[in-house]
C-alpha atoms as a PDB file:
ATOM      1  CA  UNK A   1    -130.051-137.622  34.362  1.00  0.00           C
ATOM      2  CA  UNK A   2    -127.059-135.293  34.026  1.00  0.00           C
ATOM      3  CA  UNK A   3    -123.444-136.277  34.567  1.00  0.00           C
ATOM      4  CA  UNK A   4    -123.376-134.005  37.627  1.00  0.00           C
ATOM      5  CA  UNK A   5    -126.402-135.777  39.135  1.00  0.00           C
ATOM      6  CA  UNK A   6    -124.905-139.196  38.424  1.00  0.00           C
ATOM      7  CA  UNK A   7    -121.679-138.166  40.136  1.00  0.00           C
ATOM      8  CA  UNK A   8    -123.686-137.166  43.204  1.00  0.00           C
ATOM      9  CA  UNK A   9    -125.199-140.647  43.585  1.00  0.00           C
ATOM     10  CA  UNK A  10    -123.215-142.482  46.231  1.00  0.00           C
ATOM     11  CA  UNK A  11    -121.955-145.923  45.221  1.00  0.00           C
ATOM     12  CA  UNK A  12    -121.704-148.303  48.156  1.00  0.00           C
ATOM     13  CA  UNK A  13    -119.595-151.477  48.295  1.00  0.00           C
ATOM     14  CA  UNK A  14    -121.061-154.922  48.872  1.00  0.00           C
ATOM     15  CA  UNK A  15    -118.203-156.123  51.093  1.00  0.00           C
ATOM     16  CA  UNK A  16    -118.263-153.095  53.434  1.00  0.00           C
ATOM     17  CA  UNK A  17    -120.438-153.784  56.533  1.00  0.00           C
ATOM     18  CA  UNK A  18    -121.313-150.104  56.991  1.00  0.00           C
ATOM     19  CA  UNK A  19    -122.330-149.791  53.340  1.00  0.00           C
ATOM     20  CA  UNK A  20    -124.398-152.966  53.646  1.00  0.00           C
ATOM     21  CA  UNK A  21    -126.243-151.519  56.644  1.00  0.00           C
ATOM     22  CA  UNK A  22    -126.866-148.263  54.792  1.00  0.00           C
ATOM     23  CA  UNK A  23    -128.227-150.060  51.721  1.00  0.00           C
ATOM     24  CA  UNK A  24    -130.384-152.366  53.845  1.00  0.00           C
ATOM     25  CA  UNK A  25    -131.755-149.322  55.661  1.00  0.00           C
ATOM     26  CA  UNK A  26    -132.612-147.774  52.306  1.00  0.00           C
ATOM     27  CA  UNK A  27    -134.581-150.896  51.360  1.00  0.00           C
ATOM     28  CA  UNK A  28    -136.404-150.829  54.697  1.00  0.00           C
ATOM     29  CA  UNK A  29    -137.219-147.152  54.117  1.00  0.00           C
ATOM     30  CA  UNK A  30    -138.880-147.915  50.797  1.00  0.00           C
ATOM     31  CA  UNK A  31    -136.047-147.166  48.369  1.00  0.00           C
ATOM     32  CA  UNK A  32    -134.759-149.478  45.646  1.00  0.00           C
ATOM     33  CA  UNK A  33    -131.139-150.649  45.643  1.00  0.00           C
ATOM     34  CA  UNK A  34    -129.184-151.924  42.635  1.00  0.00           C
ATOM     35  CA  UNK A  35    -126.805-154.472  44.106  1.00  0.00           C
ATOM     36  CA  UNK A  36    -124.268-157.100  43.127  1.00  0.00           C
ATOM     37  CA  UNK A  37    -126.188-160.278  42.375  1.00  0.00           C
ATOM     38  CA  UNK A  38    -124.160-163.339  41.465  1.00  0.00           C
ATOM     39  CA  UNK A  39    -122.142-162.297  38.425  1.00  0.00           C
ATOM     40  CA  UNK A  40    -124.132-159.156  37.499  1.00  0.00           C
ATOM     41  CA  UNK A  41    -126.564-156.691  39.170  1.00  0.00           C
ATOM     42  CA  UNK A  42    -130.200-156.750  40.226  1.00  0.00           C
ATOM     43  CA  UNK A  43    -132.690-154.278  41.672  1.00  0.00           C
ATOM     44  CA  UNK A  44    -134.037-155.066  45.147  1.00  0.00           C
ATOM     45  CA  UNK A  45    -136.962-153.406  46.929  1.00  0.00           C
ATOM     46  CA  UNK A  46    -139.705-154.030  49.473  1.00  0.00           C
ATOM     47  CA  UNK A  47    -142.297-156.678  48.513  1.00  0.00           C
ATOM     48  CA  UNK A  48    -145.388-154.577  49.258  1.00  0.00           C
ATOM     49  CA  UNK A  49    -147.668-153.594  46.381  1.00  0.00           C
ATOM     50  CA  UNK A  50    -146.853-149.875  46.678  1.00  0.00           C
ATOM     51  CA  UNK A  51    -143.117-150.475  46.218  1.00  0.00           C
ATOM     52  CA  UNK A  52    -143.710-152.964  43.396  1.00  0.00           C
ATOM     53  CA  UNK A  53    -145.914-150.474  41.554  1.00  0.00           C
ATOM     54  CA  UNK A  54    -143.331-147.709  41.974  1.00  0.00           C
ATOM     55  CA  UNK A  55    -140.598-149.861  40.432  1.00  0.00           C
ATOM     56  CA  UNK A  56    -143.044-150.976  37.736  1.00  0.00           C
ATOM     57  CA  UNK A  57    -143.599-147.350  36.721  1.00  0.00           C
ATOM     58  CA  UNK A  58    -139.872-146.633  36.874  1.00  0.00           C
ATOM     59  CA  UNK A  59    -139.160-149.523  34.488  1.00  0.00           C
ATOM     60  CA  UNK A  60    -142.076-148.710  32.210  1.00  0.00           C
ATOM     61  CA  UNK A  61    -143.919-151.934  32.934  1.00  0.00           C
ATOM     62  CA  UNK A  62    -147.709-152.314  32.848  1.00  0.00           C
ATOM     63  CA  UNK A  63    -149.837-151.919  35.967  1.00  0.00           C
ATOM     64  CA  UNK A  64    -150.380-155.120  37.896  1.00  0.00           C
ATOM     65  CA  UNK A  65    -146.887-156.454  37.145  1.00  0.00           C
ATOM     66  CA  UNK A  66    -145.837-159.284  39.491  1.00  0.00           C
ATOM     67  CA  UNK A  67    -142.301-158.978  40.856  1.00  0.00           C
ATOM     68  CA  UNK A  68    -140.022-161.917  41.593  1.00  0.00           C
ATOM     69  CA  UNK A  69    -138.992-162.838  45.128  1.00  0.00           C
ATOM     70  CA  UNK A  70    -135.491-163.130  46.514  1.00  0.00           C
ATOM     71  CA  UNK A  71    -134.089-164.119  49.879  1.00  0.00           C
ATOM     72  CA  UNK A  72    -131.088-165.709  51.582  1.00  0.00           C
ATOM     73  CA  UNK A  73    -130.373-169.334  50.537  1.00  0.00           C
ATOM     74  CA  UNK A  74    -131.733-170.967  53.688  1.00  0.00           C
ATOM     75  CA  UNK A  75    -135.139-169.330  53.212  1.00  0.00           C
ATOM     76  CA  UNK A  76    -135.622-170.183  49.530  1.00  0.00           C
ATOM     77  CA  UNK A  77    -137.554-173.420  50.254  1.00  0.00           C
ATOM     78  CA  UNK A  78    -139.980-171.469  52.469  1.00  0.00           C
ATOM     79  CA  UNK A  79    -141.301-169.659  49.381  1.00  0.00           C
ATOM     80  CA  UNK A  80    -142.938-172.827  48.059  1.00  0.00           C
ATOM     81  CA  UNK A  81    -145.955-174.899  49.050  1.00  0.00           C
ATOM     82  CA  UNK A  82    -144.478-178.392  48.887  1.00  0.00           C
ATOM     83  CA  UNK A  83    -147.907-180.002  49.226  1.00  0.00           C
ATOM     84  CA  UNK A  84    -148.930-178.764  45.765  1.00  0.00           C
ATOM     85  CA  UNK A  85    -146.259-180.338  43.595  1.00  0.00           C
ATOM     86  CA  UNK A  86    -147.483-182.205  40.507  1.00  0.00           C
ATOM     87  CA  UNK A  87    -148.221-185.898  40.898  1.00  0.00           C
ATOM     88  CA  UNK A  88    -145.096-187.991  40.602  1.00  0.00           C
ATOM     89  CA  UNK A  89    -142.718-185.169  41.570  1.00  0.00           C
ATOM     90  CA  UNK A  90    -141.082-185.985  44.941  1.00  0.00           C
ATOM     91  CA  UNK A  91    -140.347-182.883  46.988  1.00  0.00           C
ATOM     92  CA  UNK A  92    -137.102-184.355  48.310  1.00  0.00           C
ATOM     93  CA  UNK A  93    -135.711-184.603  44.780  1.00  0.00           C
ATOM     94  CA  UNK A  94    -136.803-181.078  43.896  1.00  0.00           C
ATOM     95  CA  UNK A  95    -135.113-179.780  47.049  1.00  0.00           C
ATOM     96  CA  UNK A  96    -131.859-181.572  46.250  1.00  0.00           C
ATOM     97  CA  UNK A  97    -131.949-180.264  42.666  1.00  0.00           C
ATOM     98  CA  UNK A  98    -132.595-176.758  43.973  1.00  0.00           C
ATOM     99  CA  UNK A  99    -129.660-176.991  46.381  1.00  0.00           C
ATOM    100  CA  UNK A 100    -127.259-178.033  43.623  1.00  0.00           C
ATOM    101  CA  UNK A 101    -128.391-175.243  41.308  1.00  0.00           C
ATOM    102  CA  UNK A 102    -128.022-172.648  44.079  1.00  0.00           C
ATOM    103  CA  UNK A 103    -124.559-173.982  44.872  1.00  0.00           C
ATOM    104  CA  UNK A 104    -123.532-173.282  41.272  1.00  0.00           C
ATOM    105  CA  UNK A 105    -124.787-169.690  41.175  1.00  0.00           C
ATOM    106  CA  UNK A 106    -127.694-167.450  40.147  1.00  0.00           C
ATOM    107  CA  UNK A 107    -130.909-169.260  39.260  1.00  0.00           C
ATOM    108  CA  UNK A 108    -134.636-168.671  38.938  1.00  0.00           C
ATOM    109  CA  UNK A 109    -137.075-171.180  40.449  1.00  0.00           C
ATOM    110  CA  UNK A 110    -140.830-171.071  39.907  1.00  0.00           C
ATOM    111  CA  UNK A 111    -143.163-173.227  41.968  1.00  0.00           C
ATOM    112  CA  UNK A 112    -146.379-173.298  43.997  1.00  0.00           C
ATOM    113  CA  UNK A 113    -146.480-170.224  46.241  1.00  0.00           C
ATOM    114  CA  UNK A 114    -146.573-170.651  50.010  1.00  0.00           C
ATOM    115  CA  UNK A 115    -149.125-168.614  51.963  1.00  0.00           C
ATOM    116  CA  UNK A 116    -146.358-166.545  53.588  1.00  0.00           C
ATOM    117  CA  UNK A 117    -145.251-165.028  50.269  1.00  0.00           C
ATOM    118  CA  UNK A 118    -146.450-161.396  49.884  1.00  0.00           C
ATOM    119  CA  UNK A 119    -149.277-161.136  47.361  1.00  0.00           C
ATOM    120  CA  UNK A 120    -147.387-158.639  45.190  1.00  0.00           C
ATOM    121  CA  UNK A 121    -144.959-161.499  44.434  1.00  0.00           C
ATOM    122  CA  UNK A 122    -147.617-164.129  43.650  1.00  0.00           C
ATOM    123  CA  UNK A 123    -148.850-164.828  40.123  1.00  0.00           C
ATOM    124  CA  UNK A 124    -152.052-166.589  39.110  1.00  0.00           C
ATOM    125  CA  UNK A 125    -151.680-169.805  37.142  1.00  0.00           C
ATOM    126  CA  UNK A 126    -153.958-172.617  36.008  1.00  0.00           C
ATOM    127  CA  UNK A 127    -152.071-174.862  38.417  1.00  0.00           C
ATOM    128  CA  UNK A 128    -152.660-172.448  41.298  1.00  0.00           C
ATOM    129  CA  UNK A 129    -150.764-169.417  42.648  1.00  0.00           C
ATOM    130  CA  UNK A 130    -147.040-169.453  41.916  1.00  0.00           C
ATOM    131  CA  UNK A 131    -143.970-167.527  43.015  1.00  0.00           C
ATOM    132  CA  UNK A 132    -140.776-166.992  41.044  1.00  0.00           C
ATOM    133  CA  UNK A 133    -137.698-166.887  43.267  1.00  0.00           C
ATOM    134  CA  UNK A 134    -134.587-165.318  41.733  1.00  0.00           C
ATOM    135  CA  UNK A 135    -131.590-166.144  43.922  1.00  0.00           C
ATOM    136  CA  UNK A 136    -127.929-165.123  43.500  1.00  0.00           C
ATOM    137  CA  UNK A 137    -126.546-168.499  44.563  1.00  0.00           C
ATOM    138  CA  UNK A 138    -124.934-169.603  47.799  1.00  0.00           C
ATOM    139  CA  UNK A 139    -121.503-168.097  47.084  1.00  0.00           C
ATOM    140  CA  UNK A 140    -122.613-164.521  46.438  1.00  0.00           C
ATOM    141  CA  UNK A 141    -121.574-161.986  49.119  1.00  0.00           C
ATOM    142  CA  UNK A 142    -124.939-160.238  48.735  1.00  0.00           C
ATOM    143  CA  UNK A 143    -126.401-162.547  51.403  1.00  0.00           C
ATOM    144  CA  UNK A 144    -125.163-160.257  54.172  1.00  0.00           C
ATOM    145  CA  UNK A 145    -127.079-157.411  52.550  1.00  0.00           C
ATOM    146  CA  UNK A 146    -130.201-159.510  51.990  1.00  0.00           C
ATOM    147  CA  UNK A 147    -130.135-160.857  55.538  1.00  0.00           C
ATOM    148  CA  UNK A 148    -129.771-157.385  57.032  1.00  0.00           C
ATOM    149  CA  UNK A 149    -132.566-155.990  54.851  1.00  0.00           C
ATOM    150  CA  UNK A 150    -134.877-158.861  55.815  1.00  0.00           C
ATOM    151  CA  UNK A 151    -134.142-158.278  59.487  1.00  0.00           C
ATOM    152  CA  UNK A 152    -135.071-154.611  59.103  1.00  0.00           C
ATOM    153  CA  UNK A 153    -138.231-155.257  57.078  1.00  0.00           C
ATOM    154  CA  UNK A 154    -139.363-158.134  59.287  1.00  0.00           C
ATOM    155  CA  UNK A 155    -140.160-160.468  56.406  1.00  0.00           C
ATOM    156  CA  UNK A 156    -138.774-163.534  54.676  1.00  0.00           C
ATOM    157  CA  UNK A 157    -138.609-162.101  51.162  1.00  0.00           C
ATOM    158  CA  UNK A 158    -137.705-159.019  49.167  1.00  0.00           C
ATOM    159  CA  UNK A 159    -138.840-158.167  45.669  1.00  0.00           C
ATOM    160  CA  UNK A 160    -136.264-158.280  42.879  1.00  0.00           C
ATOM    161  CA  UNK A 161    -136.032-157.522  39.193  1.00  0.00           C
ATOM    162  CA  UNK A 162    -133.357-156.905  36.596  1.00  0.00           C
ATOM    163  CA  UNK A 163    -131.722-153.490  36.374  1.00  0.00           C
ATOM    164  CA  UNK A 164    -132.485-153.160  32.690  1.00  0.00           C
ATOM    165  CA  UNK A 165    -135.222-150.538  32.360  1.00  0.00           C
ATOM    166  CA  UNK A 166    -138.121-151.813  30.261  1.00  0.00           C
ATOM    167  CA  UNK A 167    -138.472-148.304  28.819  1.00  0.00           C
ATOM    168  CA  UNK A 168    -135.307-149.010  26.796  1.00  0.00           C
ATOM    169  CA  UNK A 169    -136.236-152.196  24.981  1.00  0.00           C
ATOM    170  CA  UNK A 170    -134.244-153.946  22.295  1.00  0.00           C
ATOM    171  CA  UNK A 171    -135.692-155.601  19.234  1.00  0.00           C
ATOM    172  CA  UNK A 172    -135.737-158.804  21.262  1.00  0.00           C
ATOM    173  CA  UNK A 173    -138.097-157.337  23.832  1.00  0.00           C
ATOM    174  CA  UNK A 174    -135.656-156.667  26.667  1.00  0.00           C
ATOM    175  CA  UNK A 175    -132.156-155.458  27.360  1.00  0.00           C
ATOM    176  CA  UNK A 176    -129.402-157.547  28.868  1.00  0.00           C
ATOM    177  CA  UNK A 177    -128.663-156.644  32.487  1.00  0.00           C
ATOM    178  CA  UNK A 178    -125.916-154.376  33.747  1.00  0.00           C
ATOM    179  CA  UNK A 179    -122.851-156.414  34.646  1.00  0.00           C
ATOM    180  CA  UNK A 180    -120.822-153.413  35.830  1.00  0.00           C
ATOM    181  CA  UNK A 181    -121.623-150.694  38.344  1.00  0.00           C
ATOM    182  CA  UNK A 182    -120.453-148.152  35.767  1.00  0.00           C
ATOM    183  CA  UNK A 183    -123.572-146.582  34.343  1.00  0.00           C
ATOM    184  CA  UNK A 184    -125.969-147.770  37.052  1.00  0.00           C
ATOM    185  CA  UNK A 185    -125.975-144.424  38.838  1.00  0.00           C
ATOM    186  CA  UNK A 186    -126.501-142.589  35.564  1.00  0.00           C
ATOM    187  CA  UNK A 187    -129.324-144.944  34.552  1.00  0.00           C
ATOM    188  CA  UNK A 188    -131.204-145.105  37.837  1.00  0.00           C
ATOM    189  CA  UNK A 189    -129.905-142.394  40.149  1.00  0.00           C
ATOM    190  CA  UNK A 190    -132.596-139.972  39.054  1.00  0.00           C
ATOM    191  CA  UNK A 191    -135.167-142.504  40.221  1.00  0.00           C
ATOM    192  CA  UNK A 192    -133.770-142.542  43.767  1.00  0.00           C
ATOM    193  CA  UNK A 193    -131.932-145.864  43.403  1.00  0.00           C
ATOM    194  CA  UNK A 194    -128.761-146.511  45.375  1.00  0.00           C
ATOM    195  CA  UNK A 195    -125.940-148.690  44.056  1.00  0.00           C
ATOM    196  CA  UNK A 196    -124.320-151.419  46.168  1.00  0.00           C
ATOM    197  CA  UNK A 197    -121.466-152.581  43.960  1.00  0.00           C
ATOM    198  CA  UNK A 198    -119.363-155.725  43.849  1.00  0.00           C
ATOM    199  CA  UNK A 199    -115.996-154.983  45.446  1.00  0.00           C
ATOM    200  CA  UNK A 200    -114.381-156.764  42.486  1.00  0.00           C
ATOM    201  CA  UNK A 201    -116.613-157.402  39.483  1.00  0.00           C
ATOM    202  CA  UNK A 202    -114.138-159.672  37.715  1.00  0.00           C
ATOM    203  CA  UNK A 203    -113.876-161.797  40.848  1.00  0.00           C
ATOM    204  CA  UNK A 204    -117.676-161.980  41.019  1.00  0.00           C
ATOM    205  CA  UNK A 205    -117.756-163.371  37.497  1.00  0.00           C
ATOM    206  CA  UNK A 206    -114.932-165.837  38.211  1.00  0.00           C
ATOM    207  CA  UNK A 207    -116.916-167.077  41.202  1.00  0.00           C
ATOM    208  CA  UNK A 208    -119.552-168.373  38.763  1.00  0.00           C
ATOM    209  CA  UNK A 209    -117.595-169.980  35.918  1.00  0.00           C
ATOM    210  CA  UNK A 210    -120.581-171.802  34.404  1.00  0.00           C
ATOM    211  CA  UNK A 211    -122.777-168.693  34.140  1.00  0.00           C
ATOM    212  CA  UNK A 212    -122.980-165.973  31.533  1.00  0.00           C
ATOM    213  CA  UNK A 213    -123.536-162.442  32.840  1.00  0.00           C
ATOM    214  CA  UNK A 214    -127.129-162.426  31.584  1.00  0.00           C
ATOM    215  CA  UNK A 215    -130.593-162.820  33.138  1.00  0.00           C
ATOM    216  CA  UNK A 216    -130.931-166.045  35.098  1.00  0.00           C
ATOM    217  CA  UNK A 217    -132.354-169.270  33.745  1.00  0.00           C
ATOM    218  CA  UNK A 218    -135.789-170.045  35.189  1.00  0.00           C
ATOM    219  CA  UNK A 219    -136.748-173.618  36.053  1.00  0.00           C
ATOM    220  CA  UNK A 220    -140.389-174.316  36.882  1.00  0.00           C
ATOM    221  CA  UNK A 221    -141.725-177.216  38.932  1.00  0.00           C
ATOM    222  CA  UNK A 222    -145.355-176.215  39.566  1.00  0.00           C
ATOM    223  CA  UNK A 223    -146.236-178.276  36.496  1.00  0.00           C
ATOM    224  CA  UNK A 224    -144.475-180.877  34.363  1.00  0.00           C
ATOM    225  CA  UNK A 225    -144.317-181.443  30.616  1.00  0.00           C
ATOM    226  CA  UNK A 226    -145.059-185.154  30.676  1.00  0.00           C
ATOM    227  CA  UNK A 227    -142.246-187.681  30.911  1.00  0.00           C
ATOM    228  CA  UNK A 228    -139.034-188.455  29.105  1.00  0.00           C
ATOM    229  CA  UNK A 229    -138.627-191.652  27.081  1.00  0.00           C
ATOM    230  CA  UNK A 230    -137.058-193.221  30.136  1.00  0.00           C
ATOM    231  CA  UNK A 231    -140.064-192.268  32.263  1.00  0.00           C
ATOM    232  CA  UNK A 232    -138.616-189.338  34.210  1.00  0.00           C
ATOM    233  CA  UNK A 233    -140.979-186.429  34.954  1.00  0.00           C
ATOM    234  CA  UNK A 234    -139.932-183.458  32.801  1.00  0.00           C
ATOM    235  CA  UNK A 235    -139.574-180.122  34.573  1.00  0.00           C
ATOM    236  CA  UNK A 236    -139.981-176.986  32.458  1.00  0.00           C
ATOM    237  CA  UNK A 237    -137.213-174.531  31.615  1.00  0.00           C
ATOM    238  CA  UNK A 238    -139.235-171.344  31.197  1.00  0.00           C
ATOM    239  CA  UNK A 239    -136.273-169.154  30.283  1.00  0.00           C
ATOM    240  CA  UNK A 240    -132.896-170.001  28.831  1.00  0.00           C
ATOM    241  CA  UNK A 241    -130.563-167.716  30.720  1.00  0.00           C
ATOM    242  CA  UNK A 242    -127.176-167.569  32.345  1.00  0.00           C
ATOM    243  CA  UNK A 243    -126.860-171.310  33.026  1.00  0.00           C
ATOM    244  CA  UNK A 244    -127.203-173.331  29.821  1.00  0.00           C
ATOM    245  CA  UNK A 245    -130.104-175.671  29.186  1.00  0.00           C
ATOM    246  CA  UNK A 246    -127.655-178.542  28.662  1.00  0.00           C
ATOM    247  CA  UNK A 247    -126.074-177.911  32.056  1.00  0.00           C
ATOM    248  CA  UNK A 248    -129.449-177.782  33.785  1.00  0.00           C
ATOM    249  CA  UNK A 249    -130.584-180.916  31.934  1.00  0.00           C
ATOM    250  CA  UNK A 250    -127.556-182.851  33.178  1.00  0.00           C
ATOM    251  CA  UNK A 251    -128.084-181.720  36.767  1.00  0.00           C
ATOM    252  CA  UNK A 252    -131.820-182.468  36.612  1.00  0.00           C
ATOM    253  CA  UNK A 253    -131.094-186.004  35.384  1.00  0.00           C
ATOM    254  CA  UNK A 254    -128.885-186.597  38.430  1.00  0.00           C
ATOM    255  CA  UNK A 255    -131.918-185.896  40.605  1.00  0.00           C
ATOM    256  CA  UNK A 256    -134.391-187.989  38.656  1.00  0.00           C
ATOM    257  CA  UNK A 257    -135.902-185.410  36.299  1.00  0.00           C
ATOM    258  CA  UNK A 258    -135.986-184.690  32.607  1.00  0.00           C
ATOM    259  CA  UNK A 259    -136.038-181.183  31.164  1.00  0.00           C
ATOM    260  CA  UNK A 260    -138.427-179.638  28.675  1.00  0.00           C
ATOM    261  CA  UNK A 261    -137.427-176.299  27.160  1.00  0.00           C
ATOM    262  CA  UNK A 262    -140.578-174.191  26.749  1.00  0.00           C
ATOM    263  CA  UNK A 263    -141.159-172.876  23.220  1.00  0.00           C
ATOM    264  CA  UNK A 264    -141.247-169.292  24.499  1.00  0.00           C
ATOM    265  CA  UNK A 265    -137.878-169.648  26.230  1.00  0.00           C
ATOM    266  CA  UNK A 266    -135.226-167.627  24.410  1.00  0.00           C
ATOM    267  CA  UNK A 267    -131.450-167.624  24.445  1.00  0.00           C
ATOM    268  CA  UNK A 268    -129.853-164.986  26.705  1.00  0.00           C
ATOM    269  CA  UNK A 269    -128.987-161.573  25.229  1.00  0.00           C
ATOM    270  CA  UNK A 270    -125.484-160.233  24.944  1.00  0.00           C
ATOM    271  CA  UNK A 271    -124.105-158.966  28.280  1.00  0.00           C
ATOM    272  CA  UNK A 272    -124.364-155.233  28.799  1.00  0.00           C
ATOM    273  CA  UNK A 273    -121.281-153.322  29.911  1.00  0.00           C
ATOM    274  CA  UNK A 274    -121.518-149.615  30.697  1.00  0.00           C
ATOM    275  CA  UNK A 275    -118.283-147.701  30.789  1.00  0.00           C
ATOM    276  CA  UNK A 276    -116.266-150.220  28.786  1.00  0.00           C
ATOM    277  CA  UNK A 277    -115.848-150.933  25.107  1.00  0.00           C
END
């Protein structure tokens, strides 16, 4: 994309109600929107298979890719089938753990998928169908945008992914996400993506002092990894991301769980910053 084309891409502001309505209308109309998400940026779009496949091609991902789900905080529990938790995992304790993690900031949560979740957001697993919810946390101003987009689409969930294009991979298999709006228009504007920027990116990062500006950590509860020495069921950290494993382990213990870090989980990459040194 040329500099002239990038300059022509309109950047909207997350705290402006008119801009929020415009971006939500773009989502409803089938476009993708790169928007302020916790302390960095994410790419939101409709959860139907056609939209998921379009974003998959744009990011250079293989056919059949399953997108993550996102929604406003009060609808996050509705993504999960609470009757299919592993034996010995009380749903009340998972819910309280989830609430505390969301209060802190961006987090990924993988669990048994509820029937209401669109199929393009559901992945097959030996334990049954699962959904991965990536949420920006309860203090992110993006909830006004998400709520408006959900009202226009008539559903409970949108699809979401990182704004790092898979076609530009690092030697670690992925790029860190954009943490500034600078460069988003140049990277994605040619693909018809609008940008809904944080009004103040430094303030967005200060709002989440325990989080790095990297992809979110993903905690799974559709299966356990046995028990700790003290007998607590061990939930699985599938990805080490913005919130440290030690921090998640301490919070999980407060709710009656241990934490097992999956062997394939990797440490978060260095934050990406377009337009700065």
